[in-house]
């Protein structure tokens, strides 16, 4: 796995962990940040290279600091 794929996978896992801890569905998160549910799913599976603008939208919708999305836990 390349580093690009690894960072996407780690980011997706972090997003999913935070979303689930806040008891928010992918559909609800998509609604809160103006992104489609399938886009959220793609991010969480590590198949999307999410933009900085969308990272900020996701953090805001989850009510977390942007940096928290980059706290990768194993």
Protein backbone atom coordinates (compact mmCIF):
# COMPACT_ATOMS: atom_id res chain seq x y z
CA UNK A 1 0.00 0.00 0.00
CA UNK A 2 1.37 3.43 -0.93
CA UNK A 3 1.59 6.28 1.52
CA UNK A 4 -1.23 8.11 -0.30
CA UNK A 5 -3.56 5.14 0.16
CA UNK A 6 -2.44 4.69 3.76
CA UNK A 7 -3.19 8.31 4.73
CA UNK A 8 -6.62 8.10 3.08
CA UNK A 9 -7.38 4.89 4.95
CA UNK A 10 -6.18 6.27 8.30
CA UNK A 11 -8.17 9.49 7.79
CA UNK A 12 -11.27 7.49 6.89
CA UNK A 13 -10.93 5.31 9.98
CA UNK A 14 -10.55 8.39 12.15
CA UNK A 15 -13.61 10.03 10.60
CA UNK A 16 -15.67 6.87 11.09
CA UNK A 17 -14.55 6.48 14.73
CA UNK A 18 -15.49 10.07 15.58
CA UNK A 19 -18.80 9.86 13.69
CA UNK A 20 -19.81 6.64 15.44
CA UNK A 21 -18.74 7.96 18.86
CA UNK A 22 -21.08 10.90 18.28
CA UNK A 23 -23.87 8.52 17.19
CA UNK A 24 -24.23 10.19 13.78
CA UNK A 25 -25.11 8.21 10.65
CA UNK A 26 -23.29 8.75 7.35
CA UNK A 27 -26.50 10.21 5.95
CA UNK A 28 -26.85 12.67 8.82
CA UNK A 29 -23.21 13.70 8.59
CA UNK A 30 -23.62 14.25 4.86
CA UNK A 31 -26.64 16.45 5.51
CA UNK A 32 -24.83 18.44 8.21
CA UNK A 33 -21.85 19.24 6.02
CA UNK A 34 -23.52 19.37 2.60
CA UNK A 35 -21.87 16.23 1.21
CA UNK A 36 -23.54 13.12 -0.18
CA UNK A 37 -23.72 9.99 1.98
CA UNK A 38 -21.85 7.94 -0.61
CA UNK A 39 -19.04 10.51 -0.54
CA UNK A 40 -18.80 10.07 3.24
CA UNK A 41 -18.73 6.31 2.75
CA UNK A 42 -15.95 6.61 0.17
CA UNK A 43 -13.89 8.74 2.57
CA UNK A 44 -14.35 6.26 5.40
CA UNK A 45 -13.27 3.37 3.16
CA UNK A 46 -10.17 5.30 2.09
CA UNK A 47 -11.15 5.45 -1.57
CA UNK A 48 -11.56 9.24 -1.75
CA UNK A 49 -8.84 11.84 -1.62
CA UNK A 50 -10.85 14.40 0.34
CA UNK A 51 -10.12 18.12 -0.16
CA UNK A 52 -9.04 20.46 2.60
CA UNK A 53 -12.30 22.38 2.22
CA UNK A 54 -14.32 19.22 2.81
CA UNK A 55 -12.15 18.22 5.76
CA UNK A 56 -13.03 21.53 7.41
CA UNK A 57 -16.74 20.96 6.62
CA UNK A 58 -16.58 17.48 8.17
CA UNK A 59 -14.87 18.75 11.33
CA UNK A 60 -17.40 21.54 11.69
CA UNK A 61 -20.35 19.16 11.22
CA UNK A 62 -18.87 16.80 13.83
CA UNK A 63 -18.17 19.73 16.17
CA UNK A 64 -14.48 18.82 16.51
CA UNK A 65 -11.26 20.65 15.76
CA UNK A 66 -9.92 19.81 12.31
CA UNK A 67 -6.76 18.36 13.83
CA UNK A 68 -8.82 15.71 15.65
CA UNK A 69 -9.59 14.08 12.29
CA UNK A 70 -5.84 13.51 11.92
CA UNK A 71 -5.39 11.81 15.29
CA UNK A 72 -4.93 8.28 14.01
CA UNK A 73 -5.55 5.59 16.61
CA UNK A 74 -4.93 1.91 16.08
